[in-house]
Amino acid sequence: MEENVLRIVLVLVGLVFAGVGGFLIWRGKNLEKVCTVQVGGIVSDNFLSVKYKKGRRRESYYPIFKYSVGGIEYTQQSSFGTGRSPKFAIGQSVKVFYNPSNPKQYYVLEEGKLTIMAICFIAIGVIILVATPFMKFQG
């Protein structure tokens, strides 16, 4: 009985990984579809997020982008952080693509696509799903 519960949990974990990967690909494609207007922007700052996990300090830097549309300045913090050091220098120029119907919706070309990370999530999920029926559990 416990073996079946473990298999169900592993299948759910595999589905979650594959689902996250699929969502990341969908989100990227959706942003590319709706964010069609390009404007120049700059990196105005790098937000430092500090978290402690199991007593270890973890730092992530999230770039803050500024760009103007129709005389209105937008300041957006990226959802994607990097550890150890910022990916972008303050004052660095970037290419911002925004949604003409909603200029707050944007992506920055220089951040790159999440395709590799998404494919990794999907691959891990598929490996878990395929391997689960063949796993033997010690009870």
Protein backbone atom coordinates (compact mmCIF):
# COMPACT_ATOMS: atom_id res chain seq x y z
CA MET A 1 0.00 0.00 0.00
CA GLU A 2 2.79 2.46 0.93
CA GLU A 3 4.46 1.70 -2.40
CA ASN A 4 1.35 2.87 -4.27
CA VAL A 5 1.22 6.10 -2.26
CA LEU A 6 4.88 6.79 -3.10
CA ARG A 7 4.19 6.14 -6.77
CA ILE A 8 1.24 8.54 -6.72
CA VAL A 9 3.35 11.21 -5.02
CA LEU A 10 6.13 10.77 -7.62
CA VAL A 11 3.62 10.99 -10.48
CA LEU A 12 2.24 14.21 -8.99
CA VAL A 13 5.78 15.61 -8.62
CA GLY A 14 6.52 14.69 -12.24
CA LEU A 15 3.32 16.35 -13.41
CA VAL A 16 4.13 19.51 -11.44
CA PHE A 17 7.62 19.74 -12.97
CA ALA A 18 6.29 19.19 -16.48
CA GLY A 19 3.47 21.66 -15.83
CA VAL A 20 5.84 24.39 -14.62
CA GLY A 21 7.98 23.90 -17.73
CA GLY A 22 4.94 24.09 -19.97
CA PHE A 23 3.74 27.23 -18.20
CA LEU A 24 7.13 28.93 -18.67
CA ILE A 25 7.08 28.19 -22.39
CA TRP A 26 3.47 29.38 -22.71
CA ARG A 27 4.21 32.57 -20.76
CA GLY A 28 7.21 33.40 -22.94
CA LYS A 29 5.27 32.81 -26.16
CA ASN A 30 2.35 34.88 -24.86
CA LEU A 31 4.62 37.81 -23.96
CA GLU A 32 6.23 37.67 -27.41
CA LYS A 33 2.78 37.71 -29.00
CA VAL A 34 1.35 40.69 -27.09
CA CYS A 35 4.48 42.77 -26.42
CA THR A 36 5.06 43.99 -29.95
CA VAL A 37 6.37 47.53 -29.53
CA GLN A 38 10.06 48.11 -28.78
CA VAL A 39 11.42 51.01 -26.77
CA GLY A 40 14.80 51.72 -25.22
CA GLY A 41 15.11 51.30 -21.50
CA ILE A 42 17.77 51.37 -18.84
CA VAL A 43 18.64 49.39 -15.75
CA SER A 44 17.96 51.85 -12.96
CA ASP A 45 18.94 49.58 -10.07
CA ASN A 46 19.43 46.00 -8.92
CA PHE A 47 17.22 44.92 -6.02
CA LEU A 48 19.09 42.64 -3.62
CA SER A 49 16.91 39.95 -2.07
CA VAL A 50 18.43 38.11 0.89
CA LYS A 51 16.93 34.88 2.16
CA TYR A 52 18.16 32.40 4.72
CA LYS A 53 17.65 28.72 4.07
CA LYS A 54 18.97 26.16 6.51
CA GLY A 55 21.20 28.80 8.05
CA ARG A 56 22.79 29.76 4.74
CA ARG A 57 22.51 33.23 3.30
CA ARG A 58 21.24 33.34 -0.28
CA GLU A 59 21.41 36.49 -2.35
CA SER A 60 19.56 37.20 -5.58
CA TYR A 61 19.76 40.35 -7.68
CA TYR A 62 16.65 41.48 -9.54
CA PRO A 63 17.17 44.19 -12.14
CA ILE A 64 14.85 47.18 -12.14
CA PHE A 65 14.09 48.52 -15.60
CA LYS A 66 12.87 52.00 -16.57
CA TYR A 67 11.27 52.86 -19.89
CA SER A 68 8.88 55.52 -21.20
CA VAL A 69 5.73 55.11 -23.25
CA GLY A 70 3.79 58.16 -24.39
CA GLY A 71 5.53 60.40 -21.86
CA ILE A 72 4.74 58.06 -18.95
CA GLU A 73 7.73 56.46 -17.23
CA TYR A 74 7.42 52.85 -16.12
CA THR A 75 9.63 51.22 -13.51
CA GLN A 76 9.45 47.44 -13.41
CA GLN A 77 11.33 44.95 -11.28
CA SER A 78 12.19 41.76 -13.11
CA SER A 79 10.78 38.46 -11.88
CA PHE A 80 14.08 36.77 -12.68
CA GLY A 81 16.97 37.14 -10.32
CA THR A 82 20.56 36.04 -10.47
CA GLY A 83 22.77 34.93 -7.62
CA ARG A 84 26.22 36.12 -6.56
CA SER A 85 26.30 39.22 -8.76
CA PRO A 86 23.88 41.29 -10.83
CA LYS A 87 23.45 40.32 -14.48
CA PHE A 88 22.98 43.96 -15.49
CA ALA A 89 25.00 47.06 -14.66
CA ILE A 90 23.14 50.14 -13.39
CA GLY A 91 22.71 52.52 -16.32
CA GLN A 92 22.96 49.73 -18.90
CA SER A 93 20.74 50.17 -21.96
CA VAL A 94 18.23 47.41 -22.71
CA LYS A 95 15.58 46.70 -25.35
CA VAL A 96 12.12 46.64 -23.80
CA PHE A 97 9.17 45.15 -25.66
CA TYR A 98 5.81 46.19 -24.23
CA ASN A 99 2.14 45.53 -24.85
CA PRO A 100 0.65 48.61 -26.55
CA SER A 101 -2.68 47.91 -24.79
CA ASN A 102 -0.98 47.58 -21.40
CA PRO A 103 2.54 49.11 -21.24
CA LYS A 104 3.13 47.58 -17.80
CA GLN A 105 3.25 44.18 -19.51
CA TYR A 106 6.75 43.83 -20.90
CA TYR A 107 9.82 41.74 -21.43
CA VAL A 108 13.47 42.68 -21.81
CA LEU A 109 15.26 41.10 -24.75
CA GLU A 110 18.60 40.95 -22.93
CA GLU A 111 17.15 38.82 -20.12
CA GLY A 112 16.91 35.97 -22.61
CA LYS A 113 14.29 33.31 -22.90
CA LEU A 114 13.42 30.78 -20.29
CA THR A 115 13.35 28.01 -22.87
CA ILE A 116 16.34 26.11 -21.45
CA MET A 117 14.99 26.25 -17.90
CA ALA A 118 11.52 25.26 -19.15
CA ILE A 119 12.93 22.31 -21.08
CA CYS A 120 14.83 21.20 -17.98
CA PHE A 121 11.64 21.27 -15.91
CA ILE A 122 9.77 19.30 -18.56
CA ALA A 123 12.63 16.78 -18.90
CA ILE A 124 12.81 16.21 -15.14
CA GLY A 125 9.04 15.76 -15.02
CA VAL A 126 9.06 13.27 -17.89
CA ILE A 127 11.98 11.32 -16.37
CA ILE A 128 10.11 11.04 -13.07
CA LEU A 129 6.92 9.98 -14.84
CA VAL A 130 8.67 7.37 -16.99
CA ALA A 131 10.86 6.00 -14.18
CA THR A 132 8.18 5.74 -11.50
CA PRO A 133 6.60 2.45 -12.70
CA PHE A 134 10.04 0.79 -12.69
CA MET A 135 11.10 1.93 -9.23
CA LYS A 136 11.33 -0.59 -6.43
CA PHE A 137 10.79 0.72 -2.93
CA GLN A 138 12.29 -0.82 0.20
CA GLY A 139 9.73 -1.17 2.90
